[in-house]
Amino acid sequence: MESVSPDLFSGNIIKTRIRLARNISGYRFCGNDEKTSREIVKKVNRALIKCDTFNLYYVANVSTTVLEAMKERNLISKYLTENAVGGAALINADESLSVMINEEDVIREQCFMKGLRLKEAYERLDGLDDELAKNVDIAFHPRWGYLTTCPTNLGTGMRASVMLFLPALSESGKIRKVAEEARKAGLTVRGVYGEGSVAEGSIYQISNEVTLGISEYDILKSVEEAVLDICMTERELAKKLYASKEIKTMDRAKRAFGVLTNAVLLSYEEFLSLIAEVKIGAMFGMVDIQDLEALNDLTVKVRPANLCVQYGKDLSAFDRDLFRAEVVSKKLLKLREI
């Protein structure tokens, strides 16, 4: 494929995530007792103290709602939330860095960046990883690379993923073919929360499957090429489904905007369906909203647990729908004014 600027697909590319799986020599890779788990947390915390200003969260000391809100923002995994014995996470102020401790592996480092910034995100995380290795004896084999709990992570221990908004491929059903082609190339197409999750609001994650016998930069290159190729396919299909049917697409988008700004009750499922229509309209200049990133942020902000955290207390499903409608309406009307 010819060189294409990621800026061309700014409406489709949501964010980049790089994750590194690491273990510490002399410790079990998972399932350590509470005393040992706490010891590991202290080691990792001390090792990374110079890298950034992190907040340390012990799973046992954080409410279920706050943990779920962190999971909704991809900062921690479901696996970690279930480890009350020794699970912990280091998260920096802008939530661009997250280090899960005593997850499936002893350490799982993550870096998040908006847009397609694979190399930049990796190099930032690589710096943190180097600092960790200076202070902690990381489990490494000269032939097999970084040693991990699951053999599928051996080698680099890296997962490079990009979150994409693919409404045309999803609506047409052609996302299945895209997933098949990705699998042949050693990549995978999954839902928002990775393995086993479903796509919500036409949002998918594209990531590498192969970690062994390949360099980190080769992984980044293959994922980026696949992302741009998929986005080009999405763009061409979207022209046929949406741009060429301007009146119908505009009607769908404006109707969705009207419901979202006037609803009294709004479930998260209905919100996802309607915000996708609004975003399609905005991408083709049919809805007067320029800040597409703000729509992506709103999608996370009004997830159930994050909505409760924002409100300041746990809410019933009914009250969440009531509050969500208010938050969404105010935000969309404000975005239209900008």
C-alpha atoms as a PDB file:
ATOM      1  CA  MET A   1       0.000   0.000   0.000  1.00  0.00           C
ATOM      2  CA  GLU A   2       1.179   3.515  -0.791  1.00  0.00           C
ATOM      3  CA  SER A   3       2.293   5.674   2.101  1.00  0.00           C
ATOM      4  CA  VAL A   4      -0.783   7.162   3.757  1.00  0.00           C
ATOM      5  CA  SER A   5      -0.935   9.711   6.565  1.00  0.00           C
ATOM      6  CA  PRO A   6      -2.821   8.547   9.681  1.00  0.00           C
ATOM      7  CA  ASP A   7      -4.359  12.055   9.768  1.00  0.00           C
ATOM      8  CA  LEU A   8      -6.555  10.976   6.865  1.00  0.00           C
ATOM      9  CA  PHE A   9      -8.293   8.565   9.241  1.00  0.00           C
ATOM     10  CA  SER A  10      -8.510  10.729  12.358  1.00  0.00           C
ATOM     11  CA  GLY A  11     -12.185   9.868  12.741  1.00  0.00           C
ATOM     12  CA  ASN A  12     -11.493   6.139  12.656  1.00  0.00           C
ATOM     13  CA  ILE A  13      -8.321   5.874  14.752  1.00  0.00           C
ATOM     14  CA  ILE A  14      -9.126   6.298  18.443  1.00  0.00           C
ATOM     15  CA  LYS A  15      -6.046   5.344  20.440  1.00  0.00           C
ATOM     16  CA  THR A  16      -2.876   3.275  20.653  1.00  0.00           C
ATOM     17  CA  ARG A  17      -1.911   0.910  23.447  1.00  0.00           C
ATOM     18  CA  ILE A  18       1.399  -0.875  23.988  1.00  0.00           C
ATOM     19  CA  ARG A  19       1.595  -3.574  26.651  1.00  0.00           C
ATOM     20  CA  LEU A  20       4.674  -5.418  27.913  1.00  0.00           C
ATOM     21  CA  ALA A  21       4.448  -8.593  30.006  1.00  0.00           C
ATOM     22  CA  ARG A  22       7.309  -9.160  32.451  1.00  0.00           C
ATOM     23  CA  ASN A  23       8.156 -11.443  35.361  1.00  0.00           C
ATOM     24  CA  ILE A  24      10.764 -11.308  38.115  1.00  0.00           C
ATOM     25  CA  SER A  25      13.357 -14.049  38.566  1.00  0.00           C
ATOM     26  CA  GLY A  26      12.998 -15.877  41.863  1.00  0.00           C
ATOM     27  CA  TYR A  27       9.239 -15.358  42.122  1.00  0.00           C
ATOM     28  CA  ARG A  28       6.311 -17.374  40.837  1.00  0.00           C
ATOM     29  CA  PHE A  29       4.900 -15.766  37.698  1.00  0.00           C
ATOM     30  CA  CYS A  30       1.397 -15.745  39.180  1.00  0.00           C
ATOM     31  CA  GLY A  31      -0.444 -16.933  42.273  1.00  0.00           C
ATOM     32  CA  ASN A  32       1.955 -15.610  44.926  1.00  0.00           C
ATOM     33  CA  ASP A  33       0.735 -15.375  48.513  1.00  0.00           C
ATOM     34  CA  GLU A  34      -0.197 -12.027  50.036  1.00  0.00           C
ATOM     35  CA  LYS A  35       3.142 -11.400  51.758  1.00  0.00           C
ATOM     36  CA  THR A  36       5.154 -12.155  48.616  1.00  0.00           C
ATOM     37  CA  SER A  37       2.737 -10.144  46.454  1.00  0.00           C
ATOM     38  CA  ARG A  38       3.152  -7.090  48.681  1.00  0.00           C
ATOM     39  CA  GLU A  39       6.913  -7.497  48.531  1.00  0.00           C
ATOM     40  CA  ILE A  40       6.740  -7.502  44.729  1.00  0.00           C
ATOM     41  CA  VAL A  41       4.594  -4.367  44.708  1.00  0.00           C
ATOM     42  CA  LYS A  42       7.169  -2.534  46.837  1.00  0.00           C
ATOM     43  CA  LYS A  43      10.016  -3.637  44.551  1.00  0.00           C
ATOM     44  CA  VAL A  44       8.238  -2.446  41.411  1.00  0.00           C
ATOM     45  CA  ASN A  45       7.123   0.814  43.015  1.00  0.00           C
ATOM     46  CA  ARG A  46      10.690   1.614  44.118  1.00  0.00           C
ATOM     47  CA  ALA A  47      12.073   0.635  40.714  1.00  0.00           C
ATOM     48  CA  LEU A  48       9.826   3.072  38.846  1.00  0.00           C
ATOM     49  CA  ILE A  49       9.834   5.983  41.259  1.00  0.00           C
ATOM     50  CA  LYS A  50      12.104   8.063  38.977  1.00  0.00           C
ATOM     51  CA  CYS A  51      10.107   7.420  35.806  1.00  0.00           C
ATOM     52  CA  ASP A  52       6.972   9.393  36.619  1.00  0.00           C
ATOM     53  CA  THR A  53       4.665  10.344  39.461  1.00  0.00           C
ATOM     54  CA  PHE A  54       2.478   7.316  40.007  1.00  0.00           C
ATOM     55  CA  ASN A  55      -0.480   6.703  42.268  1.00  0.00           C
ATOM     56  CA  LEU A  56      -0.399   3.235  43.831  1.00  0.00           C
ATOM     57  CA  TYR A  57      -3.698   1.373  44.070  1.00  0.00           C
ATOM     58  CA  TYR A  58      -4.083  -1.928  45.928  1.00  0.00           C
ATOM     59  CA  VAL A  59      -7.061  -3.889  44.614  1.00  0.00           C
ATOM     60  CA  ALA A  60      -8.054  -4.815  48.172  1.00  0.00           C
ATOM     61  CA  ASN A  61      -8.261  -1.137  49.167  1.00  0.00           C
ATOM     62  CA  VAL A  62     -10.261   0.186  46.211  1.00  0.00           C
ATOM     63  CA  SER A  63     -14.043   0.014  45.913  1.00  0.00           C
ATOM     64  CA  THR A  64     -15.613  -2.295  43.375  1.00  0.00           C
ATOM     65  CA  THR A  65     -17.059   0.684  41.496  1.00  0.00           C
ATOM     66  CA  VAL A  66     -13.734   2.493  41.186  1.00  0.00           C
ATOM     67  CA  LEU A  67     -12.027  -0.725  40.066  1.00  0.00           C
ATOM     68  CA  GLU A  68     -14.704  -1.233  37.437  1.00  0.00           C
ATOM     69  CA  ALA A  69     -14.276   2.376  36.277  1.00  0.00           C
ATOM     70  CA  MET A  70     -10.535   1.797  35.882  1.00  0.00           C
ATOM     71  CA  LYS A  71     -11.279  -1.355  33.892  1.00  0.00           C
ATOM     72  CA  GLU A  72     -13.708   0.565  31.695  1.00  0.00           C
ATOM     73  CA  ARG A  73     -10.852   2.961  30.890  1.00  0.00           C
ATOM     74  CA  ASN A  74      -8.583  -0.038  30.066  1.00  0.00           C
ATOM     75  CA  LEU A  75      -6.175   0.967  32.854  1.00  0.00           C
ATOM     76  CA  ILE A  76      -6.495  -2.400  34.543  1.00  0.00           C
ATOM     77  CA  SER A  77      -7.810  -5.815  33.492  1.00  0.00           C
ATOM     78  CA  LYS A  78     -10.663  -7.959  34.746  1.00  0.00           C
ATOM     79  CA  TYR A  79      -8.001 -10.463  35.833  1.00  0.00           C
ATOM     80  CA  LEU A  80      -6.387  -7.873  38.119  1.00  0.00           C
ATOM     81  CA  THR A  81      -9.685  -6.762  39.682  1.00  0.00           C
ATOM     82  CA  GLU A  82     -10.224 -10.333  40.812  1.00  0.00           C
ATOM     83  CA  ASN A  83      -6.877 -10.538  42.633  1.00  0.00           C
ATOM     84  CA  ALA A  84      -7.648  -8.995  46.006  1.00  0.00           C
ATOM     85  CA  VAL A  85      -4.785 -10.939  47.603  1.00  0.00           C
ATOM     86  CA  GLY A  86      -1.947  -8.955  46.070  1.00  0.00           C
ATOM     87  CA  GLY A  87      -3.164  -7.157  42.960  1.00  0.00           C
ATOM     88  CA  ALA A  88      -2.057  -3.540  42.550  1.00  0.00           C
ATOM     89  CA  ALA A  89      -1.580  -0.895  39.889  1.00  0.00           C
ATOM     90  CA  LEU A  90       0.643   2.135  39.407  1.00  0.00           C
ATOM     91  CA  ILE A  91      -1.106   4.798  37.320  1.00  0.00           C
ATOM     92  CA  ASN A  92       0.285   8.216  36.420  1.00  0.00           C
ATOM     93  CA  ALA A  93      -1.670  11.475  36.556  1.00  0.00           C
ATOM     94  CA  ASP A  94      -2.827  11.676  32.929  1.00  0.00           C
ATOM     95  CA  GLU A  95      -3.437   7.920  32.772  1.00  0.00           C
ATOM     96  CA  SER A  96      -1.048   7.464  29.858  1.00  0.00           C
ATOM     97  CA  LEU A  97       0.964   4.908  31.873  1.00  0.00           C
ATOM     98  CA  SER A  98      -0.370   1.976  33.860  1.00  0.00           C
ATOM     99  CA  VAL A  99       1.623  -0.793  35.494  1.00  0.00           C
ATOM    100  CA  MET A 100      -0.419  -3.747  36.702  1.00  0.00           C
ATOM    101  CA  ILE A 101       1.303  -5.827  39.375  1.00  0.00           C
ATOM    102  CA  ASN A 102       0.450  -9.446  40.197  1.00  0.00           C
ATOM    103  CA  GLU A 103      -1.836  -9.833  37.218  1.00  0.00           C
ATOM    104  CA  GLU A 104      -1.546 -12.868  34.891  1.00  0.00           C
ATOM    105  CA  ASP A 105       2.165 -12.014  34.894  1.00  0.00           C
ATOM    106  CA  VAL A 106       3.954 -10.333  37.788  1.00  0.00           C
ATOM    107  CA  ILE A 107       4.189  -7.083  35.808  1.00  0.00           C
ATOM    108  CA  ARG A 108       2.188  -5.736  32.897  1.00  0.00           C
ATOM    109  CA  GLU A 109       3.280  -2.303  31.718  1.00  0.00           C
ATOM    110  CA  GLN A 110       0.974  -0.236  29.511  1.00  0.00           C
ATOM    111  CA  CYS A 111       1.215   3.030  27.603  1.00  0.00           C
ATOM    112  CA  PHE A 112      -1.773   4.755  25.993  1.00  0.00           C
ATOM    113  CA  MET A 113      -1.733   7.538  23.403  1.00  0.00           C
ATOM    114  CA  LYS A 114      -4.511   9.033  21.307  1.00  0.00           C
ATOM    115  CA  GLY A 115      -4.337   8.400  17.589  1.00  0.00           C
ATOM    116  CA  LEU A 116      -1.918   6.122  15.754  1.00  0.00           C
ATOM    117  CA  ARG A 117       1.334   6.551  17.704  1.00  0.00           C
ATOM    118  CA  LEU A 118       2.712   3.043  18.001  1.00  0.00           C
ATOM    119  CA  LYS A 119       6.403   3.863  17.841  1.00  0.00           C
ATOM    120  CA  GLU A 120       6.102   6.824  20.201  1.00  0.00           C
ATOM    121  CA  ALA A 121       4.091   4.825  22.731  1.00  0.00           C
ATOM    122  CA  TYR A 122       6.515   1.894  22.559  1.00  0.00           C
ATOM    123  CA  GLU A 123       9.596   4.067  23.028  1.00  0.00           C
ATOM    124  CA  ARG A 124       8.066   5.749  26.048  1.00  0.00           C
ATOM    125  CA  LEU A 125       7.194   2.397  27.579  1.00  0.00           C
ATOM    126  CA  ASP A 126      10.582   0.981  26.621  1.00  0.00           C
ATOM    127  CA  GLY A 127      12.211   3.711  28.705  1.00  0.00           C
ATOM    128  CA  LEU A 128      10.100   2.707  31.688  1.00  0.00           C
ATOM    129  CA  ASP A 129      10.925  -0.952  31.027  1.00  0.00           C
ATOM    130  CA  ASP A 130      14.663  -0.178  30.958  1.00  0.00           C
ATOM    131  CA  GLU A 131      14.390   1.546  34.327  1.00  0.00           C
ATOM    132  CA  LEU A 132      12.552  -1.460  35.714  1.00  0.00           C
ATOM    133  CA  ALA A 133      15.279  -3.811  34.435  1.00  0.00           C
ATOM    134  CA  LYS A 134      17.978  -1.728  36.143  1.00  0.00           C
ATOM    135  CA  ASN A 135      16.389  -2.325  39.511  1.00  0.00           C
ATOM    136  CA  VAL A 136      14.679  -5.706  39.209  1.00  0.00           C
ATOM    137  CA  ASP A 137      15.971  -9.025  37.832  1.00  0.00           C
ATOM    138  CA  ILE A 138      13.594  -9.625  34.924  1.00  0.00           C
ATOM    139  CA  ALA A 139      13.034 -13.259  33.860  1.00  0.00           C
ATOM    140  CA  PHE A 140      14.700 -13.609  30.442  1.00  0.00           C
ATOM    141  CA  HIS A 141      15.999 -16.541  28.392  1.00  0.00           C
ATOM    142  CA  PRO A 142      18.638 -16.072  25.649  1.00  0.00           C
ATOM    143  CA  ARG A 143      16.618 -18.220  23.239  1.00  0.00           C
ATOM    144  CA  TRP A 144      13.016 -17.641  24.271  1.00  0.00           C
ATOM    145  CA  GLY A 145      13.246 -13.975  25.255  1.00  0.00           C
ATOM    146  CA  TYR A 146      11.059 -12.616  28.053  1.00  0.00           C
ATOM    147  CA  LEU A 147       9.492 -15.466  30.005  1.00  0.00           C
ATOM    148  CA  THR A 148       5.749 -15.186  30.538  1.00  0.00           C
ATOM    149  CA  THR A 149       2.954 -17.149  32.178  1.00  0.00           C
ATOM    150  CA  CYS A 150       1.248 -17.798  28.858  1.00  0.00           C
ATOM    151  CA  PRO A 151       3.485 -19.214  26.089  1.00  0.00           C
ATOM    152  CA  THR A 152       1.744 -17.011  23.509  1.00  0.00           C
ATOM    153  CA  ASN A 153       3.462 -13.987  25.074  1.00  0.00           C
ATOM    154  CA  LEU A 154       6.996 -15.416  24.980  1.00  0.00           C
ATOM    155  CA  GLY A 155       9.702 -13.429  23.190  1.00  0.00           C
ATOM    156  CA  THR A 156       9.006  -9.721  23.231  1.00  0.00           C
ATOM    157  CA  GLY A 157       6.118 -10.071  25.670  1.00  0.00           C
ATOM    158  CA  MET A 158       4.541  -7.233  23.711  1.00  0.00           C
ATOM    159  CA  ARG A 159       1.024  -6.535  22.531  1.00  0.00           C
ATOM    160  CA  ALA A 160       0.662  -3.520  20.274  1.00  0.00           C
ATOM    161  CA  SER A 161      -2.952  -2.561  19.665  1.00  0.00           C
ATOM    162  CA  VAL A 162      -4.909   0.240  18.043  1.00  0.00           C
ATOM    163  CA  MET A 163      -8.567   0.963  18.754  1.00  0.00           C
ATOM    164  CA  LEU A 164     -10.587   1.760  15.635  1.00  0.00           C
ATOM    165  CA  PHE A 165     -14.090   3.017  14.819  1.00  0.00           C
ATOM    166  CA  LEU A 166     -15.252   0.914  11.855  1.00  0.00           C
ATOM    167  CA  PRO A 167     -18.985   1.489  11.295  1.00  0.00           C
ATOM    168  CA  ALA A 168     -19.080   0.682   7.565  1.00  0.00           C
ATOM    169  CA  LEU A 169     -17.227  -2.600   7.938  1.00  0.00           C
ATOM    170  CA  SER A 170     -19.367  -3.496  10.932  1.00  0.00           C
ATOM    171  CA  GLU A 171     -22.695  -2.555   9.334  1.00  0.00           C
ATOM    172  CA  SER A 172     -21.896  -4.353   6.087  1.00  0.00           C
ATOM    173  CA  GLY A 173     -20.677  -7.488   7.868  1.00  0.00           C
ATOM    174  CA  LYS A 174     -17.333  -7.269   6.083  1.00  0.00           C
ATOM    175  CA  ILE A 175     -15.503  -6.975   9.394  1.00  0.00           C
ATOM    176  CA  ARG A 176     -15.449 -10.791   9.469  1.00  0.00           C
ATOM    177  CA  LYS A 177     -13.370 -10.888   6.282  1.00  0.00           C
ATOM    178  CA  VAL A 178     -11.054  -8.238   7.727  1.00  0.00           C
ATOM    179  CA  ALA A 179     -10.605 -10.363  10.850  1.00  0.00           C
ATOM    180  CA  GLU A 180      -9.795 -13.432   8.738  1.00  0.00           C
ATOM    181  CA  GLU A 181      -7.183 -11.547   6.716  1.00  0.00           C
ATOM    182  CA  ALA A 182      -5.670 -10.122   9.892  1.00  0.00           C
ATOM    183  CA  ARG A 183      -5.384 -13.609  11.376  1.00  0.00           C
ATOM    184  CA  LYS A 184      -3.428 -14.791   8.333  1.00  0.00           C
ATOM    185  CA  ALA A 185      -0.987 -11.935   8.935  1.00  0.00           C
ATOM    186  CA  GLY A 186      -0.447 -12.870  12.589  1.00  0.00           C
ATOM    187  CA  LEU A 187      -2.816 -10.190  13.893  1.00  0.00           C
ATOM    188  CA  THR A 188      -6.180 -10.285  15.614  1.00  0.00           C
ATOM    189  CA  VAL A 189      -9.358  -8.195  15.600  1.00  0.00           C
ATOM    190  CA  ARG A 190     -11.147  -8.044  18.944  1.00  0.00           C
ATOM    191  CA  GLY A 191     -13.608  -5.988  20.920  1.00  0.00           C
ATOM    192  CA  VAL A 192     -12.890  -3.025  23.178  1.00  0.00           C
ATOM    193  CA  TYR A 193     -11.608  -5.131  26.095  1.00  0.00           C
ATOM    194  CA  GLY A 194      -9.517  -7.585  24.094  1.00  0.00           C
ATOM    195  CA  GLU A 195      -9.812 -11.356  24.112  1.00  0.00           C
ATOM    196  CA  GLY A 196     -13.349 -12.629  24.520  1.00  0.00           C
ATOM    197  CA  SER A 197     -14.959  -9.178  24.408  1.00  0.00           C
ATOM    198  CA  VAL A 198     -17.471  -7.950  21.860  1.00  0.00           C
ATOM    199  CA  ALA A 199     -17.295  -4.847  19.695  1.00  0.00           C
ATOM    200  CA  GLU A 200     -19.344  -1.999  21.141  1.00  0.00           C
ATOM    201  CA  GLY A 201     -20.490   0.860  18.944  1.00  0.00           C
ATOM    202  CA  SER A 202     -18.474  -0.473  15.962  1.00  0.00           C
ATOM    203  CA  ILE A 203     -15.242  -0.117  17.961  1.00  0.00           C
ATOM    204  CA  TYR A 204     -12.548  -2.771  17.503  1.00  0.00           C
ATOM    205  CA  GLN A 205      -8.967  -3.440  18.595  1.00  0.00           C
ATOM    206  CA  ILE A 206      -6.337  -4.522  16.082  1.00  0.00           C
ATOM    207  CA  SER A 207      -3.286  -6.135  17.687  1.00  0.00           C
ATOM    208  CA  ASN A 208      -0.436  -8.571  17.096  1.00  0.00           C
ATOM    209  CA  GLU A 209      -0.726 -12.250  17.956  1.00  0.00           C
ATOM    210  CA  VAL A 210       2.910 -13.202  17.304  1.00  0.00           C
ATOM    211  CA  THR A 211       5.467 -12.208  19.949  1.00  0.00           C
ATOM    212  CA  LEU A 212       8.227 -14.804  19.456  1.00  0.00           C
ATOM    213  CA  GLY A 213      10.910 -14.709  16.757  1.00  0.00           C
ATOM    214  CA  ILE A 214      10.117 -11.157  15.752  1.00  0.00           C
ATOM    215  CA  SER A 215      11.426  -7.787  16.951  1.00  0.00           C
ATOM    216  CA  GLU A 216       9.380  -5.106  18.664  1.00  0.00           C
ATOM    217  CA  TYR A 217       9.786  -2.761  15.698  1.00  0.00           C
ATOM    218  CA  ASP A 218       8.657  -5.480  13.282  1.00  0.00           C
ATOM    219  CA  ILE A 219       5.511  -5.871  15.378  1.00  0.00           C
ATOM    220  CA  LEU A 220       4.881  -2.132  15.345  1.00  0.00           C
ATOM    221  CA  LYS A 221       5.350  -2.011  11.575  1.00  0.00           C
ATOM    222  CA  SER A 222       2.973  -4.899  10.895  1.00  0.00           C
ATOM    223  CA  VAL A 223       0.258  -3.473  13.150  1.00  0.00           C
ATOM    224  CA  GLU A 224       0.557   0.024  11.670  1.00  0.00           C
ATOM    225  CA  GLU A 225       0.405  -1.265   8.110  1.00  0.00           C
ATOM    226  CA  ALA A 226      -2.659  -3.351   8.936  1.00  0.00           C
ATOM    227  CA  VAL A 227      -4.378  -0.426  10.662  1.00  0.00           C
ATOM    228  CA  LEU A 228      -3.851   1.892   7.696  1.00  0.00           C
ATOM    229  CA  ASP A 229      -4.980  -0.800   5.263  1.00  0.00           C
ATOM    230  CA  ILE A 230      -8.134  -1.464   7.298  1.00  0.00           C
ATOM    231  CA  CYS A 231      -8.860   2.248   7.591  1.00  0.00           C
ATOM    232  CA  MET A 232      -8.510   2.663   3.827  1.00  0.00           C
ATOM    233  CA  THR A 233     -10.974  -0.195   3.281  1.00  0.00           C
ATOM    234  CA  GLU A 234     -13.336   1.373   5.817  1.00  0.00           C
ATOM    235  CA  ARG A 235     -13.045   4.778   4.136  1.00  0.00           C
ATOM    236  CA  GLU A 236     -13.876   3.452   0.667  1.00  0.00           C
ATOM    237  CA  LEU A 237     -16.817   1.447   1.987  1.00  0.00           C
ATOM    238  CA  ALA A 238     -18.059   4.401   4.050  1.00  0.00           C
ATOM    239  CA  LYS A 239     -18.180   6.538   0.906  1.00  0.00           C
ATOM    240  CA  LYS A 240     -20.579   4.022  -0.631  1.00  0.00           C
ATOM    241  CA  LEU A 241     -22.684   3.494   2.475  1.00  0.00           C
ATOM    242  CA  TYR A 242     -22.805   7.039   3.820  1.00  0.00           C
ATOM    243  CA  ALA A 243     -21.351   9.778   1.611  1.00  0.00           C
ATOM    244  CA  SER A 244     -23.187   8.672  -1.537  1.00  0.00           C
ATOM    245  CA  LYS A 245     -26.457   8.577   0.409  1.00  0.00           C
ATOM    246  CA  GLU A 246     -26.091  12.017   1.909  1.00  0.00           C
ATOM    247  CA  ILE A 247     -29.744  12.727   2.742  1.00  0.00           C
ATOM    248  CA  LYS A 248     -30.316   9.384   4.474  1.00  0.00           C
ATOM    249  CA  THR A 249     -27.019   9.592   6.367  1.00  0.00           C
ATOM    250  CA  MET A 250     -27.733  13.158   7.449  1.00  0.00           C
ATOM    251  CA  ASP A 251     -31.225  12.177   8.560  1.00  0.00           C
ATOM    252  CA  ARG A 252     -29.871   9.273  10.644  1.00  0.00           C
ATOM    253  CA  ALA A 253     -27.197  11.493  12.208  1.00  0.00           C
ATOM    254  CA  LYS A 254     -29.492  14.398  13.015  1.00  0.00           C
ATOM    255  CA  ARG A 255     -32.198  12.140  14.386  1.00  0.00           C
ATOM    256  CA  ALA A 256     -29.592  10.512  16.627  1.00  0.00           C
ATOM    257  CA  PHE A 257     -28.318  13.922  17.737  1.00  0.00           C
ATOM    258  CA  GLY A 258     -31.900  14.976  18.505  1.00  0.00           C
ATOM    259  CA  VAL A 259     -32.543  11.931  20.681  1.00  0.00           C
ATOM    260  CA  LEU A 260     -29.208  12.252  22.487  1.00  0.00           C
ATOM    261  CA  THR A 261     -29.799  15.923  23.307  1.00  0.00           C
ATOM    262  CA  ASN A 262     -33.442  15.523  24.348  1.00  0.00           C
ATOM    263  CA  ALA A 263     -33.724  12.103  25.970  1.00  0.00           C
ATOM    264  CA  VAL A 264     -34.647  11.957  29.642  1.00  0.00           C
ATOM    265  CA  LEU A 265     -33.480   8.358  30.033  1.00  0.00           C
ATOM    266  CA  LEU A 266     -30.559   6.914  28.075  1.00  0.00           C
ATOM    267  CA  SER A 267     -29.163   3.416  28.422  1.00  0.00           C
ATOM    268  CA  TYR A 268     -25.516   2.810  27.529  1.00  0.00           C
ATOM    269  CA  GLU A 269     -26.498   0.446  24.709  1.00  0.00           C
ATOM    270  CA  GLU A 270     -28.783   3.059  23.132  1.00  0.00           C
ATOM    271  CA  PHE A 271     -26.126   5.717  23.589  1.00  0.00           C
ATOM    272  CA  LEU A 272     -23.529   3.609  21.736  1.00  0.00           C
ATOM    273  CA  SER A 273     -25.849   3.064  18.810  1.00  0.00           C
ATOM    274  CA  LEU A 274     -26.826   6.726  18.539  1.00  0.00           C
ATOM    275  CA  ILE A 275     -23.371   8.241  19.117  1.00  0.00           C
ATOM    276  CA  ALA A 276     -22.030   6.099  16.278  1.00  0.00           C
ATOM    277  CA  GLU A 277     -24.614   7.709  13.957  1.00  0.00           C
ATOM    278  CA  VAL A 278     -23.642  11.184  15.192  1.00  0.00           C
ATOM    279  CA  LYS A 279     -19.964  10.471  14.667  1.00  0.00           C
ATOM    280  CA  ILE A 280     -20.564   9.236  11.117  1.00  0.00           C
ATOM    281  CA  GLY A 281     -22.461  12.447  10.397  1.00  0.00           C
ATOM    282  CA  ALA A 282     -19.681  14.536  11.938  1.00  0.00           C
ATOM    283  CA  MET A 283     -17.007  12.747   9.903  1.00  0.00           C
ATOM    284  CA  PHE A 284     -18.810  13.651   6.683  1.00  0.00           C
ATOM    285  CA  GLY A 285     -19.622  17.225   7.736  1.00  0.00           C
ATOM    286  CA  MET A 286     -23.339  16.545   8.163  1.00  0.00           C
ATOM    287  CA  VAL A 287     -23.393  17.300  11.896  1.00  0.00           C
ATOM    288  CA  ASP A 288     -21.674  20.432  13.142  1.00  0.00           C
ATOM    289  CA  ILE A 289     -19.213  18.819  15.530  1.00  0.00           C
ATOM    290  CA  GLN A 290     -15.475  19.180  14.883  1.00  0.00           C
ATOM    291  CA  ASP A 291     -13.976  17.556  17.965  1.00  0.00           C
ATOM    292  CA  LEU A 292     -14.253  13.834  17.243  1.00  0.00           C
ATOM    293  CA  GLU A 293     -11.841  13.023  20.097  1.00  0.00           C
ATOM    294  CA  ALA A 294     -14.367  14.510  22.501  1.00  0.00           C
ATOM    295  CA  LEU A 295     -16.965  12.031  21.246  1.00  0.00           C
ATOM    296  CA  ASN A 296     -14.520   9.190  21.923  1.00  0.00           C
ATOM    297  CA  ASP A 297     -13.874  10.513  25.428  1.00  0.00           C
ATOM    298  CA  LEU A 298     -17.615  10.813  26.064  1.00  0.00           C
ATOM    299  CA  THR A 299     -18.071   7.150  25.155  1.00  0.00           C
ATOM    300  CA  VAL A 300     -15.823   6.202  28.091  1.00  0.00           C
ATOM    301  CA  LYS A 301     -17.085   8.914  30.426  1.00  0.00           C
ATOM    302  CA  VAL A 302     -20.671   7.629  30.403  1.00  0.00           C
ATOM    303  CA  ARG A 303     -19.897   3.930  30.899  1.00  0.00           C
ATOM    304  CA  PRO A 304     -21.775   2.671  33.990  1.00  0.00           C
ATOM    305  CA  ALA A 305     -18.999   2.711  36.606  1.00  0.00           C
ATOM    306  CA  ASN A 306     -17.365   5.901  35.346  1.00  0.00           C
ATOM    307  CA  LEU A 307     -20.761   7.571  35.465  1.00  0.00           C
ATOM    308  CA  CYS A 308     -21.118   6.562  39.130  1.00  0.00           C
ATOM    309  CA  VAL A 309     -17.628   7.855  39.953  1.00  0.00           C
ATOM    310  CA  GLN A 310     -18.447  11.136  38.245  1.00  0.00           C
ATOM    311  CA  TYR A 311     -21.712  11.446  40.185  1.00  0.00           C
ATOM    312  CA  GLY A 312     -19.989  10.628  43.463  1.00  0.00           C
ATOM    313  CA  LYS A 313     -21.880   7.520  44.518  1.00  0.00           C
ATOM    314  CA  ASP A 314     -23.243   4.236  43.207  1.00  0.00           C
ATOM    315  CA  LEU A 315     -26.389   4.653  41.134  1.00  0.00           C
ATOM    316  CA  SER A 316     -29.201   2.288  40.252  1.00  0.00           C
ATOM    317  CA  ALA A 317     -29.597   1.379  36.565  1.00  0.00           C
ATOM    318  CA  PHE A 318     -32.536   3.807  36.341  1.00  0.00           C
ATOM    319  CA  ASP A 319     -30.581   6.687  37.903  1.00  0.00           C
ATOM    320  CA  ARG A 320     -27.586   5.966  35.667  1.00  0.00           C
ATOM    321  CA  ASP A 321     -29.801   6.263  32.604  1.00  0.00           C
ATOM    322  CA  LEU A 322     -31.201   9.514  33.952  1.00  0.00           C
ATOM    323  CA  PHE A 323     -27.773  11.001  34.696  1.00  0.00           C
ATOM    324  CA  ARG A 324     -26.284   9.717  31.436  1.00  0.00           C
ATOM    325  CA  ALA A 325     -28.962  11.523  29.423  1.00  0.00           C
ATOM    326  CA  GLU A 326     -28.115  14.766  31.218  1.00  0.00           C
ATOM    327  CA  VAL A 327     -24.342  14.415  30.767  1.00  0.00           C
ATOM    328  CA  VAL A 328     -24.601  13.481  27.083  1.00  0.00           C
ATOM    329  CA  SER A 329     -27.039  16.269  26.234  1.00  0.00           C
ATOM    330  CA  LYS A 330     -24.909  18.971  27.871  1.00  0.00           C
ATOM    331  CA  LYS A 331     -21.706  17.731  26.222  1.00  0.00           C
ATOM    332  CA  LEU A 332     -23.121  17.431  22.705  1.00  0.00           C
ATOM    333  CA  LEU A 333     -24.788  20.836  22.820  1.00  0.00           C
ATOM    334  CA  LYS A 334     -21.523  22.357  24.030  1.00  0.00           C
ATOM    335  CA  LEU A 335     -19.545  20.639  21.249  1.00  0.00           C
ATOM    336  CA  ARG A 336     -21.927  21.992  18.642  1.00  0.00           C
ATOM    337  CA  GLU A 337     -21.340  25.529  19.925  1.00  0.00           C
ATOM    338  CA  ILE A 338     -17.538  25.313  19.662  1.00  0.00           C
END
